[in-house]
């Protein structure tokens, strides 16, 4: 599975949404069904600006039907309930990525087309 590393400080926050859309349409042309992006792991505050922008953009893209789902790596170790934002995607895609070395990494976001 391809990893896009430019989201780890290589793209300004306000440009992350448009870059994600470009990548999604590029990946769809290859018939791949998923890819992952590497975002920042967080600063001393524990919050990664690039990750927050990416998650916000992915949520919008999912609601628009551009992507089927997405999962941040850290959901591997989280117990989710039916009201959780990632509950359905973890049920649907968790088994697909369960053996991926990055599943569990809080700097990775998996995107499903």
PDB file of N, CA and C in Angstrom:
ATOM      1  N   UNK A   1       0.853  -1.169   0.000  1.00  0.00           N
ATOM      2  CA  UNK A   1       0.000   0.000   0.000  1.00  0.00           C
ATOM      3  C   UNK A   1       0.902   1.236   0.000  1.00  0.00           C
ATOM      4  N   UNK A   2       0.561   2.156  -0.833  1.00  0.00           N
ATOM      5  CA  UNK A   2       1.367   3.371  -0.983  1.00  0.00           C
ATOM      6  C   UNK A   2       1.198   4.303   0.213  1.00  0.00           C
ATOM      7  N   UNK A   3       2.306   4.898   0.655  1.00  0.00           N
ATOM      8  CA  UNK A   3       2.297   5.870   1.750  1.00  0.00           C
ATOM      9  C   UNK A   3       2.693   7.230   1.184  1.00  0.00           C
ATOM     10  N   UNK A   4       1.876   8.233   1.443  1.00  0.00           N
ATOM     11  CA  UNK A   4       2.186   9.601   1.041  1.00  0.00           C
ATOM     12  C   UNK A   4       2.729  10.329   2.266  1.00  0.00           C
ATOM     13  N   UNK A   5       3.988  10.708   2.200  1.00  0.00           N
ATOM     14  CA  UNK A   5       4.670  11.295   3.350  1.00  0.00           C
ATOM     15  C   UNK A   5       4.667  12.817   3.360  1.00  0.00           C
ATOM     16  N   UNK A   6       4.206  13.443   2.300  1.00  0.00           N
ATOM     17  CA  UNK A   6       4.265  14.897   2.220  1.00  0.00           C
ATOM     18  C   UNK A   6       3.358  15.612   3.220  1.00  0.00           C
ATOM     19  N   UNK A   7       2.476  14.874   3.885  1.00  0.00           N
ATOM     20  CA  UNK A   7       1.593  15.490   4.873  1.00  0.00           C
ATOM     21  C   UNK A   7       2.283  15.653   6.221  1.00  0.00           C
ATOM     22  N   UNK A   8       3.500  15.191   6.305  1.00  0.00           N
ATOM     23  CA  UNK A   8       4.295  15.324   7.530  1.00  0.00           C
ATOM     24  C   UNK A   8       5.167  16.576   7.405  1.00  0.00           C
ATOM     25  N   UNK A   9       4.504  17.721   7.311  1.00  0.00           N
ATOM     26  CA  UNK A   9       5.209  18.998   7.265  1.00  0.00           C
ATOM     27  C   UNK A   9       5.522  19.529   5.883  1.00  0.00           C
ATOM     28  N   UNK A  10       5.208  18.788   4.835  1.00  0.00           N
ATOM     29  CA  UNK A  10       5.532  19.218   3.485  1.00  0.00           C
ATOM     30  C   UNK A  10       4.455  20.057   2.811  1.00  0.00           C
ATOM     31  N   UNK A  11       3.285  20.131   3.423  1.00  0.00           N
ATOM     32  CA  UNK A  11       2.155  20.856   2.840  1.00  0.00           C
ATOM     33  C   UNK A  11       1.570  21.773   3.912  1.00  0.00           C
ATOM     34  N   UNK A  12       1.285  23.000   3.515  1.00  0.00           N
ATOM     35  CA  UNK A  12       0.654  23.924   4.463  1.00  0.00           C
ATOM     36  C   UNK A  12      -0.733  23.413   4.834  1.00  0.00           C
ATOM     37  N   UNK A  13      -1.120  23.650   6.063  1.00  0.00           N
ATOM     38  CA  UNK A  13      -2.403  23.164   6.568  1.00  0.00           C
ATOM     39  C   UNK A  13      -3.584  23.486   5.685  1.00  0.00           C
ATOM     40  N   UNK A  14      -3.657  24.711   5.222  1.00  0.00           N
ATOM     41  CA  UNK A  14      -4.818  25.099   4.416  1.00  0.00           C
ATOM     42  C   UNK A  14      -4.842  24.432   3.044  1.00  0.00           C
ATOM     43  N   UNK A  15      -3.711  23.842   2.612  1.00  0.00           N
ATOM     44  CA  UNK A  15      -3.641  23.172   1.314  1.00  0.00           C
ATOM     45  C   UNK A  15      -3.838  21.657   1.405  1.00  0.00           C
ATOM     46  N   UNK A  16      -3.957  21.134   2.610  1.00  0.00           N
ATOM     47  CA  UNK A  16      -4.048  19.680   2.786  1.00  0.00           C
ATOM     48  C   UNK A  16      -5.288  19.099   2.110  1.00  0.00           C
ATOM     49  N   UNK A  17      -6.426  19.755   2.242  1.00  0.00           N
ATOM     50  CA  UNK A  17      -7.652  19.242   1.627  1.00  0.00           C
ATOM     51  C   UNK A  17      -7.547  19.100   0.123  1.00  0.00           C
ATOM     52  N   UNK A  18      -7.026  20.114  -0.535  1.00  0.00           N
ATOM     53  CA  UNK A  18      -6.912  20.042  -1.996  1.00  0.00           C
ATOM     54  C   UNK A  18      -5.884  19.002  -2.418  1.00  0.00           C
ATOM     55  N   UNK A  19      -4.800  18.864  -1.659  1.00  0.00           N
ATOM     56  CA  UNK A  19      -3.798  17.840  -1.989  1.00  0.00           C
ATOM     57  C   UNK A  19      -4.365  16.437  -1.804  1.00  0.00           C
ATOM     58  N   UNK A  20      -5.147  16.238  -0.763  1.00  0.00           N
ATOM     59  CA  UNK A  20      -5.785  14.934  -0.555  1.00  0.00           C
ATOM     60  C   UNK A  20      -6.724  14.589  -1.705  1.00  0.00           C
ATOM     61  N   UNK A  21      -7.480  15.555  -2.150  1.00  0.00           N
ATOM     62  CA  UNK A  21      -8.393  15.316  -3.277  1.00  0.00           C
ATOM     63  C   UNK A  21      -7.621  14.930  -4.538  1.00  0.00           C
ATOM     64  N   UNK A  22      -6.515  15.610  -4.800  1.00  0.00           N
ATOM     65  CA  UNK A  22      -5.686  15.267  -5.964  1.00  0.00           C
ATOM     66  C   UNK A  22      -5.194  13.833  -5.872  1.00  0.00           C
ATOM     67  N   UNK A  23      -4.723  13.450  -4.692  1.00  0.00           N
ATOM     68  CA  UNK A  23      -4.201  12.094  -4.512  1.00  0.00           C
ATOM     69  C   UNK A  23      -5.305  11.065  -4.678  1.00  0.00           C
ATOM     70  N   UNK A  24      -6.475  11.325  -4.111  1.00  0.00           N
ATOM     71  CA  UNK A  24      -7.590  10.384  -4.231  1.00  0.00           C
ATOM     72  C   UNK A  24      -7.929  10.144  -5.698  1.00  0.00           C
ATOM     73  N   UNK A  25      -8.035  11.199  -6.474  1.00  0.00           N
ATOM     74  CA  UNK A  25      -8.378  11.023  -7.884  1.00  0.00           C
ATOM     75  C   UNK A  25      -7.242  10.351  -8.650  1.00  0.00           C
ATOM     76  N   UNK A  26      -6.009  10.601  -8.268  1.00  0.00           N
ATOM     77  CA  UNK A  26      -4.850   9.937  -8.878  1.00  0.00           C
ATOM     78  C   UNK A  26      -4.862   8.442  -8.552  1.00  0.00           C
ATOM     79  N   UNK A  27      -5.123   8.101  -7.304  1.00  0.00           N
ATOM     80  CA  UNK A  27      -5.137   6.698  -6.888  1.00  0.00           C
ATOM     81  C   UNK A  27      -6.310   5.964  -7.533  1.00  0.00           C
ATOM     82  N   UNK A  28      -7.449   6.614  -7.649  1.00  0.00           N
ATOM     83  CA  UNK A  28      -8.614   5.971  -8.281  1.00  0.00           C
ATOM     84  C   UNK A  28      -8.321   5.567  -9.724  1.00  0.00           C
ATOM     85  N   UNK A  29      -7.488   6.314 -10.401  1.00  0.00           N
ATOM     86  CA  UNK A  29      -7.119   5.972 -11.782  1.00  0.00           C
ATOM     87  C   UNK A  29      -6.323   4.677 -11.844  1.00  0.00           C
ATOM     88  N   UNK A  30      -5.627   4.330 -10.768  1.00  0.00           N
ATOM     89  CA  UNK A  30      -4.809   3.113 -10.743  1.00  0.00           C
ATOM     90  C   UNK A  30      -5.603   1.891 -10.314  1.00  0.00           C
ATOM     91  N   UNK A  31      -6.840   2.081  -9.914  1.00  0.00           N
ATOM     92  CA  UNK A  31      -7.727   1.013  -9.441  1.00  0.00           C
ATOM     93  C   UNK A  31      -7.329   0.484  -8.062  1.00  0.00           C
ATOM     94  N   UNK A  32      -6.411   1.160  -7.371  1.00  0.00           N
ATOM     95  CA  UNK A  32      -6.099   0.780  -5.997  1.00  0.00           C
ATOM     96  C   UNK A  32      -7.302   1.105  -5.126  1.00  0.00           C
ATOM     97  N   UNK A  33      -7.477   0.369  -4.071  1.00  0.00           N
ATOM     98  CA  UNK A  33      -8.633   0.550  -3.204  1.00  0.00           C
ATOM     99  C   UNK A  33      -8.308   1.269  -1.900  1.00  0.00           C
ATOM    100  N   UNK A  34      -7.005   1.492  -1.634  1.00  0.00           N
ATOM    101  CA  UNK A  34      -6.637   2.174  -0.405  1.00  0.00           C
ATOM    102  C   UNK A  34      -5.219   2.711  -0.488  1.00  0.00           C
ATOM    103  N   UNK A  35      -4.935   3.672   0.375  1.00  0.00           N
ATOM    104  CA  UNK A  35      -3.593   4.207   0.536  1.00  0.00           C
ATOM    105  C   UNK A  35      -3.512   4.800   1.930  1.00  0.00           C
ATOM    106  N   UNK A  36      -2.343   5.225   2.321  1.00  0.00           N
ATOM    107  CA  UNK A  36      -2.202   5.831   3.639  1.00  0.00           C
ATOM    108  C   UNK A  36      -1.330   7.067   3.556  1.00  0.00           C
ATOM    109  N   UNK A  37      -1.560   7.967   4.511  1.00  0.00           N
ATOM    110  CA  UNK A  37      -0.757   9.179   4.574  1.00  0.00           C
ATOM    111  C   UNK A  37      -0.064   9.232   5.935  1.00  0.00           C
ATOM    112  N   UNK A  38       1.124   9.798   5.926  1.00  0.00           N
ATOM    113  CA  UNK A  38       1.874  10.021   7.148  1.00  0.00           C
ATOM    114  C   UNK A  38       1.696  11.469   7.541  1.00  0.00           C
ATOM    115  N   UNK A  39       1.150  11.691   8.718  1.00  0.00           N
ATOM    116  CA  UNK A  39       0.980  13.050   9.228  1.00  0.00           C
ATOM    117  C   UNK A  39       1.923  13.223  10.409  1.00  0.00           C
ATOM    118  N   UNK A  40       1.917  14.390  10.984  1.00  0.00           N
ATOM    119  CA  UNK A  40       2.742  14.621  12.166  1.00  0.00           C
ATOM    120  C   UNK A  40       2.229  13.817  13.337  1.00  0.00           C
ATOM    121  N   UNK A  41       3.110  13.469  14.212  1.00  0.00           N
ATOM    122  CA  UNK A  41       2.735  12.691  15.392  1.00  0.00           C
ATOM    123  C   UNK A  41       2.227  13.585  16.509  1.00  0.00           C
ATOM    124  N   UNK A  42       2.355  14.881  16.346  1.00  0.00           N
ATOM    125  CA  UNK A  42       1.924  15.817  17.370  1.00  0.00           C
ATOM    126  C   UNK A  42       3.108  16.572  17.919  1.00  0.00           C
ATOM    127  N   UNK A  43       2.843  17.733  18.375  1.00  0.00           N
ATOM    128  CA  UNK A  43       3.892  18.544  18.984  1.00  0.00           C
ATOM    129  C   UNK A  43       3.892  18.267  20.477  1.00  0.00           C
ATOM    130  N   UNK A  44       4.544  19.108  21.217  1.00  0.00           N
ATOM    131  CA  UNK A  44       4.544  18.920  22.666  1.00  0.00           C
ATOM    132  C   UNK A  44       3.143  19.033  23.237  1.00  0.00           C
ATOM    133  N   UNK A  45       2.249  19.673  22.500  1.00  0.00           N
ATOM    134  CA  UNK A  45       0.855  19.771  22.946  1.00  0.00           C
ATOM    135  C   UNK A  45       0.101  18.469  22.686  1.00  0.00           C
ATOM    136  N   UNK A  46       0.689  17.570  21.903  1.00  0.00           N
ATOM    137  CA  UNK A  46       0.039  16.305  21.583  1.00  0.00           C
ATOM    138  C   UNK A  46      -0.918  16.379  20.416  1.00  0.00           C
ATOM    139  N   UNK A  47      -0.976  17.525  19.741  1.00  0.00           N
ATOM    140  CA  UNK A  47      -1.888  17.681  18.608  1.00  0.00           C
ATOM    141  C   UNK A  47      -1.092  18.009  17.354  1.00  0.00           C
ATOM    142  N   UNK A  48      -1.338  17.275  16.314  1.00  0.00           N
ATOM    143  CA  UNK A  48      -0.694  17.524  15.032  1.00  0.00           C
ATOM    144  C   UNK A  48      -1.624  18.374  14.172  1.00  0.00           C
ATOM    145  N   UNK A  49      -1.144  19.527  13.761  1.00  0.00           N
ATOM    146  CA  UNK A  49      -1.952  20.418  12.922  1.00  0.00           C
ATOM    147  C   UNK A  49      -2.273  19.743  11.599  1.00  0.00           C
ATOM    148  N   UNK A  50      -1.274  19.106  10.986  1.00  0.00           N
ATOM    149  CA  UNK A  50      -1.513  18.462   9.690  1.00  0.00           C
ATOM    150  C   UNK A  50      -2.512  17.322   9.824  1.00  0.00           C
ATOM    151  N   UNK A  51      -2.444  16.578  10.903  1.00  0.00           N
ATOM    152  CA  UNK A  51      -3.389  15.480  11.100  1.00  0.00           C
ATOM    153  C   UNK A  51      -4.803  16.021  11.274  1.00  0.00           C
ATOM    154  N   UNK A  52      -4.951  17.080  12.040  1.00  0.00           N
ATOM    155  CA  UNK A  52      -6.277  17.662  12.239  1.00  0.00           C
ATOM    156  C   UNK A  52      -6.878  18.168  10.932  1.00  0.00           C
ATOM    157  N   UNK A  53      -6.065  18.831  10.108  1.00  0.00           N
ATOM    158  CA  UNK A  53      -6.547  19.282   8.798  1.00  0.00           C
ATOM    159  C   UNK A  53      -6.930  18.087   7.926  1.00  0.00           C
ATOM    160  N   UNK A  54      -6.099  17.052   7.940  1.00  0.00           N
ATOM    161  CA  UNK A  54      -6.373  15.869   7.117  1.00  0.00           C
ATOM    162  C   UNK A  54      -7.669  15.190   7.552  1.00  0.00           C
ATOM    163  N   UNK A  55      -7.850  15.009   8.857  1.00  0.00           N
ATOM    164  CA  UNK A  55      -9.068  14.360   9.347  1.00  0.00           C
ATOM    165  C   UNK A  55     -10.318  15.165   9.001  1.00  0.00           C
ATOM    166  N   UNK A  56     -10.225  16.471   9.121  1.00  0.00           N
ATOM    167  CA  UNK A  56     -11.359  17.329   8.772  1.00  0.00           C
ATOM    168  C   UNK A  56     -11.691  17.202   7.287  1.00  0.00           C
ATOM    169  N   UNK A  57     -10.665  17.202   6.444  1.00  0.00           N
ATOM    170  CA  UNK A  57     -10.870  17.075   4.999  1.00  0.00           C
ATOM    171  C   UNK A  57     -11.427  15.707   4.638  1.00  0.00           C
ATOM    172  N   UNK A  58     -10.916  14.661   5.259  1.00  0.00           N
ATOM    173  CA  UNK A  58     -11.387  13.314   4.966  1.00  0.00           C
ATOM    174  C   UNK A  58     -12.839  13.123   5.391  1.00  0.00           C
ATOM    175  N   UNK A  59     -13.206  13.706   6.507  1.00  0.00           N
ATOM    176  CA  UNK A  59     -14.606  13.627   6.953  1.00  0.00           C
ATOM    177  C   UNK A  59     -15.527  14.253   5.906  1.00  0.00           C
ATOM    178  N   UNK A  60     -15.115  15.394   5.386  1.00  0.00           N
ATOM    179  CA  UNK A  60     -15.910  16.062   4.349  1.00  0.00           C
ATOM    180  C   UNK A  60     -15.958  15.227   3.069  1.00  0.00           C
ATOM    181  N   UNK A  61     -14.814  14.663   2.677  1.00  0.00           N
ATOM    182  CA  UNK A  61     -14.765  13.851   1.461  1.00  0.00           C
ATOM    183  C   UNK A  61     -15.633  12.607   1.599  1.00  0.00           C
ATOM    184  N   UNK A  62     -15.677  12.038   2.784  1.00  0.00           N
ATOM    185  CA  UNK A  62     -16.532  10.868   2.999  1.00  0.00           C
ATOM    186  C   UNK A  62     -18.002  11.264   2.889  1.00  0.00           C
ATOM    187  N   UNK A  63     -18.362  12.389   3.475  1.00  0.00           N
ATOM    188  CA  UNK A  63     -19.764  12.826   3.404  1.00  0.00           C
ATOM    189  C   UNK A  63     -20.172  13.161   1.977  1.00  0.00           C
ATOM    190  N   UNK A  64     -19.218  13.561   1.142  1.00  0.00           N
ATOM    191  CA  UNK A  64     -19.488  13.874  -0.261  1.00  0.00           C
ATOM    192  C   UNK A  64     -19.448  12.631  -1.150  1.00  0.00           C
ATOM    193  N   UNK A  65     -19.068  11.481  -0.586  1.00  0.00           N
ATOM    194  CA  UNK A  65     -19.000  10.244  -1.351  1.00  0.00           C
ATOM    195  C   UNK A  65     -17.740  10.094  -2.190  1.00  0.00           C
ATOM    196  N   UNK A  66     -16.743  10.914  -1.945  1.00  0.00           N
ATOM    197  CA  UNK A  66     -15.487  10.838  -2.706  1.00  0.00           C
ATOM    198  C   UNK A  66     -14.646   9.665  -2.232  1.00  0.00           C
ATOM    199  N   UNK A  67     -14.671   9.391  -0.929  1.00  0.00           N
ATOM    200  CA  UNK A  67     -13.984   8.221  -0.375  1.00  0.00           C
ATOM    201  C   UNK A  67     -15.017   7.392   0.375  1.00  0.00           C
ATOM    202  N   UNK A  68     -14.695   6.120   0.588  1.00  0.00           N
ATOM    203  CA  UNK A  68     -15.610   5.236   1.310  1.00  0.00           C
ATOM    204  C   UNK A  68     -15.385   5.262   2.818  1.00  0.00           C
ATOM    205  N   UNK A  69     -14.152   5.556   3.219  1.00  0.00           N
ATOM    206  CA  UNK A  69     -13.867   5.574   4.642  1.00  0.00           C
ATOM    207  C   UNK A  69     -12.423   5.928   4.914  1.00  0.00           C
ATOM    208  N   UNK A  70     -12.110   6.100   6.194  1.00  0.00           N
ATOM    209  CA  UNK A  70     -10.742   6.402   6.619  1.00  0.00           C
ATOM    210  C   UNK A  70     -10.602   6.029   8.085  1.00  0.00           C
ATOM    211  N   UNK A  71      -9.390   5.669   8.466  1.00  0.00           N
ATOM    212  CA  UNK A  71      -9.108   5.295   9.843  1.00  0.00           C
ATOM    213  C   UNK A  71      -7.748   5.822  10.271  1.00  0.00           C
ATOM    214  N   UNK A  72      -7.700   6.579  11.345  1.00  0.00           N
ATOM    215  CA  UNK A  72      -6.394   6.920  11.905  1.00  0.00           C
ATOM    216  C   UNK A  72      -5.814   5.647  12.532  1.00  0.00           C
ATOM    217  N   UNK A  73      -4.516   5.489  12.469  1.00  0.00           N
ATOM    218  CA  UNK A  73      -3.875   4.275  12.959  1.00  0.00           C
ATOM    219  C   UNK A  73      -4.162   3.949  14.404  1.00  0.00           C
ATOM    220  N   UNK A  74      -4.324   4.958  15.232  1.00  0.00           N
ATOM    221  CA  UNK A  74      -4.492   4.719  16.665  1.00  0.00           C
ATOM    222  C   UNK A  74      -5.809   4.052  17.042  1.00  0.00           C
ATOM    223  N   UNK A  75      -6.777   3.975  16.128  1.00  0.00           N
ATOM    224  CA  UNK A  75      -8.047   3.326  16.477  1.00  0.00           C
ATOM    225  C   UNK A  75      -7.870   1.833  16.710  1.00  0.00           C
ATOM    226  N   UNK A  76      -6.735   1.293  16.305  1.00  0.00           N
ATOM    227  CA  UNK A  76      -6.467  -0.132  16.530  1.00  0.00           C
ATOM    228  C   UNK A  76      -6.620  -0.478  18.004  1.00  0.00           C
ATOM    229  N   UNK A  77      -6.118   0.365  18.866  1.00  0.00           N
ATOM    230  CA  UNK A  77      -6.121   0.066  20.297  1.00  0.00           C
ATOM    231  C   UNK A  77      -7.269   0.726  21.047  1.00  0.00           C
ATOM    232  N   UNK A  78      -8.206   1.315  20.331  1.00  0.00           N
ATOM    233  CA  UNK A  78      -9.329   1.986  20.976  1.00  0.00           C
ATOM    234  C   UNK A  78     -10.578   1.119  20.929  1.00  0.00           C
ATOM    235  N   UNK A  79     -11.281   1.098  22.043  1.00  0.00           N
ATOM    236  CA  UNK A  79     -12.586   0.451  22.071  1.00  0.00           C
ATOM    237  C   UNK A  79     -13.604   1.493  21.619  1.00  0.00           C
ATOM    238  N   UNK A  80     -14.275   1.196  20.542  1.00  0.00           N
ATOM    239  CA  UNK A  80     -15.228   2.145  19.979  1.00  0.00           C
ATOM    240  C   UNK A  80     -16.648   1.647  20.208  1.00  0.00           C
ATOM    241  N   UNK A  81     -17.559   2.570  20.361  1.00  0.00           N
ATOM    242  CA  UNK A  81     -18.958   2.183  20.453  1.00  0.00           C
ATOM    243  C   UNK A  81     -19.700   2.717  19.236  1.00  0.00           C
ATOM    244  N   UNK A  82     -20.957   2.422  19.158  1.00  0.00           N
ATOM    245  CA  UNK A  82     -21.743   2.758  17.967  1.00  0.00           C
ATOM    246  C   UNK A  82     -21.839   4.252  17.692  1.00  0.00           C
ATOM    247  N   UNK A  83     -21.575   5.076  18.670  1.00  0.00           N
ATOM    248  CA  UNK A  83     -21.646   6.523  18.464  1.00  0.00           C
ATOM    249  C   UNK A  83     -20.295   7.111  18.042  1.00  0.00           C
ATOM    250  N   UNK A  84     -19.271   6.311  18.017  1.00  0.00           N
ATOM    251  CA  UNK A  84     -17.943   6.788  17.641  1.00  0.00           C
ATOM    252  C   UNK A  84     -17.880   7.086  16.142  1.00  0.00           C
ATOM    253  N   UNK A  85     -17.140   8.108  15.805  1.00  0.00           N
ATOM    254  CA  UNK A  85     -16.975   8.522  14.402  1.00  0.00           C
ATOM    255  C   UNK A  85     -16.362   7.415  13.546  1.00  0.00           C
ATOM    256  N   UNK A  86     -15.513   6.577  14.128  1.00  0.00           N
ATOM    257  CA  UNK A  86     -14.795   5.564  13.351  1.00  0.00           C
ATOM    258  C   UNK A  86     -15.328   4.150  13.544  1.00  0.00           C
ATOM    259  N   UNK A  87     -16.414   3.983  14.259  1.00  0.00           N
ATOM    260  CA  UNK A  87     -16.947   2.666  14.580  1.00  0.00           C
ATOM    261  C   UNK A  87     -17.205   1.815  13.331  1.00  0.00           C
ATOM    262  N   UNK A  88     -17.991   2.337  12.420  1.00  0.00           N
ATOM    263  CA  UNK A  88     -18.353   1.564  11.222  1.00  0.00           C
ATOM    264  C   UNK A  88     -17.142   1.283  10.337  1.00  0.00           C
ATOM    265  N   UNK A  89     -16.255   2.274  10.175  1.00  0.00           N
ATOM    266  CA  UNK A  89     -15.079   2.065   9.335  1.00  0.00           C
ATOM    267  C   UNK A  89     -14.130   1.041   9.951  1.00  0.00           C
ATOM    268  N   UNK A  90     -14.027   1.023  11.271  1.00  0.00           N
ATOM    269  CA  UNK A  90     -13.164   0.025  11.913  1.00  0.00           C
ATOM    270  C   UNK A  90     -13.740  -1.371  11.712  1.00  0.00           C
ATOM    271  N   UNK A  91     -15.070  -1.494  11.827  1.00  0.00           N
ATOM    272  CA  UNK A  91     -15.701  -2.791  11.573  1.00  0.00           C
ATOM    273  C   UNK A  91     -15.485  -3.246  10.128  1.00  0.00           C
ATOM    274  N   UNK A  92     -15.628  -2.305   9.213  1.00  0.00           N
ATOM    275  CA  UNK A  92     -15.547  -2.633   7.787  1.00  0.00           C
ATOM    276  C   UNK A  92     -14.113  -2.866   7.315  1.00  0.00           C
ATOM    277  N   UNK A  93     -13.170  -2.034   7.771  1.00  0.00           N
ATOM    278  CA  UNK A  93     -11.815  -2.075   7.222  1.00  0.00           C
ATOM    279  C   UNK A  93     -10.738  -2.577   8.182  1.00  0.00           C
ATOM    280  N   UNK A  94     -11.076  -2.732   9.445  1.00  0.00           N
ATOM    281  CA  UNK A  94     -10.082  -3.172  10.425  1.00  0.00           C
ATOM    282  C   UNK A  94      -9.431  -4.490  10.053  1.00  0.00           C
ATOM    283  N   UNK A  95     -10.205  -5.431   9.550  1.00  0.00           N
ATOM    284  CA  UNK A  95      -9.644  -6.728   9.170  1.00  0.00           C
ATOM    285  C   UNK A  95      -8.761  -6.637   7.925  1.00  0.00           C
ATOM    286  N   UNK A  96      -9.023  -5.637   7.083  1.00  0.00           N
ATOM    287  CA  UNK A  96      -8.237  -5.448   5.860  1.00  0.00           C
ATOM    288  C   UNK A  96      -6.820  -4.963   6.192  1.00  0.00           C
ATOM    289  N   UNK A  97      -6.707  -4.149   7.241  1.00  0.00           N
ATOM    290  CA  UNK A  97      -5.403  -3.562   7.576  1.00  0.00           C
ATOM    291  C   UNK A  97      -4.793  -4.131   8.852  1.00  0.00           C
ATOM    292  N   UNK A  98      -5.415  -5.164   9.431  1.00  0.00           N
ATOM    293  CA  UNK A  98      -4.974  -5.663  10.732  1.00  0.00           C
ATOM    294  C   UNK A  98      -3.514  -6.104  10.753  1.00  0.00           C
ATOM    295  N   UNK A  99      -2.969  -6.538   9.639  1.00  0.00           N
ATOM    296  CA  UNK A  99      -1.574  -6.978   9.598  1.00  0.00           C
ATOM    297  C   UNK A  99      -0.615  -5.916   9.067  1.00  0.00           C
ATOM    298  N   UNK A 100      -1.125  -4.736   8.771  1.00  0.00           N
ATOM    299  CA  UNK A 100      -0.271  -3.652   8.291  1.00  0.00           C
ATOM    300  C   UNK A 100       0.601  -3.162   9.445  1.00  0.00           C
ATOM    301  N   UNK A 101       1.877  -3.005   9.190  1.00  0.00           N
ATOM    302  CA  UNK A 101       2.820  -2.604  10.243  1.00  0.00           C
ATOM    303  C   UNK A 101       2.502  -1.227  10.815  1.00  0.00           C
ATOM    304  N   UNK A 102       1.774  -0.403  10.083  1.00  0.00           N
ATOM    305  CA  UNK A 102       1.442   0.939  10.550  1.00  0.00           C
ATOM    306  C   UNK A 102       0.100   1.026  11.281  1.00  0.00           C
ATOM    307  N   UNK A 103      -0.637  -0.066  11.294  1.00  0.00           N
ATOM    308  CA  UNK A 103      -1.910  -0.038  12.024  1.00  0.00           C
ATOM    309  C   UNK A 103      -1.585   0.015  13.511  1.00  0.00           C
ATOM    310  N   UNK A 104      -2.004   1.071  14.150  1.00  0.00           N
ATOM    311  CA  UNK A 104      -1.651   1.331  15.544  1.00  0.00           C
ATOM    312  C   UNK A 104      -0.769   2.557  15.682  1.00  0.00           C
ATOM    313  N   UNK A 105      -0.239   3.034  14.571  1.00  0.00           N
ATOM    314  CA  UNK A 105       0.634   4.207  14.542  1.00  0.00           C
ATOM    315  C   UNK A 105      -0.228   5.464  14.469  1.00  0.00           C
ATOM    316  N   UNK A 106      -0.101   6.338  15.456  1.00  0.00           N
ATOM    317  CA  UNK A 106      -0.985   7.505  15.471  1.00  0.00           C
ATOM    318  C   UNK A 106      -0.587   8.599  14.489  1.00  0.00           C
ATOM    319  N   UNK A 107       0.473   8.393  13.730  1.00  0.00           N
ATOM    320  CA  UNK A 107       0.852   9.342  12.688  1.00  0.00           C
ATOM    321  C   UNK A 107       0.382   8.928  11.304  1.00  0.00           C
ATOM    322  N   UNK A 108      -0.335   7.823  11.229  1.00  0.00           N
ATOM    323  CA  UNK A 108      -0.802   7.284   9.938  1.00  0.00           C
ATOM    324  C   UNK A 108      -2.326   7.389   9.855  1.00  0.00           C
ATOM    325  N   UNK A 109      -2.811   7.710   8.673  1.00  0.00           N
ATOM    326  CA  UNK A 109      -4.247   7.647   8.405  1.00  0.00           C
ATOM    327  C   UNK A 109      -4.426   6.784   7.155  1.00  0.00           C
ATOM    328  N   UNK A 110      -5.274   5.775   7.263  1.00  0.00           N
ATOM    329  CA  UNK A 110      -5.605   4.890   6.143  1.00  0.00           C
ATOM    330  C   UNK A 110      -6.838   5.454   5.441  1.00  0.00           C
ATOM    331  N   UNK A 111      -6.786   5.469   4.115  1.00  0.00           N
ATOM    332  CA  UNK A 111      -7.900   6.000   3.332  1.00  0.00           C
ATOM    333  C   UNK A 111      -8.387   4.904   2.376  1.00  0.00           C
ATOM    334  N   UNK A 112      -9.693   4.696   2.351  1.00  0.00           N
ATOM    335  CA  UNK A 112     -10.304   3.613   1.568  1.00  0.00           C
ATOM    336  C   UNK A 112     -11.196   4.195   0.481  1.00  0.00           C
ATOM    337  N   UNK A 113     -10.990   3.714  -0.744  1.00  0.00           N
ATOM    338  CA  UNK A 113     -11.741   4.221  -1.899  1.00  0.00           C
ATOM    339  C   UNK A 113     -12.821   3.240  -2.315  1.00  0.00           C
TER     340      UNK A 113
END
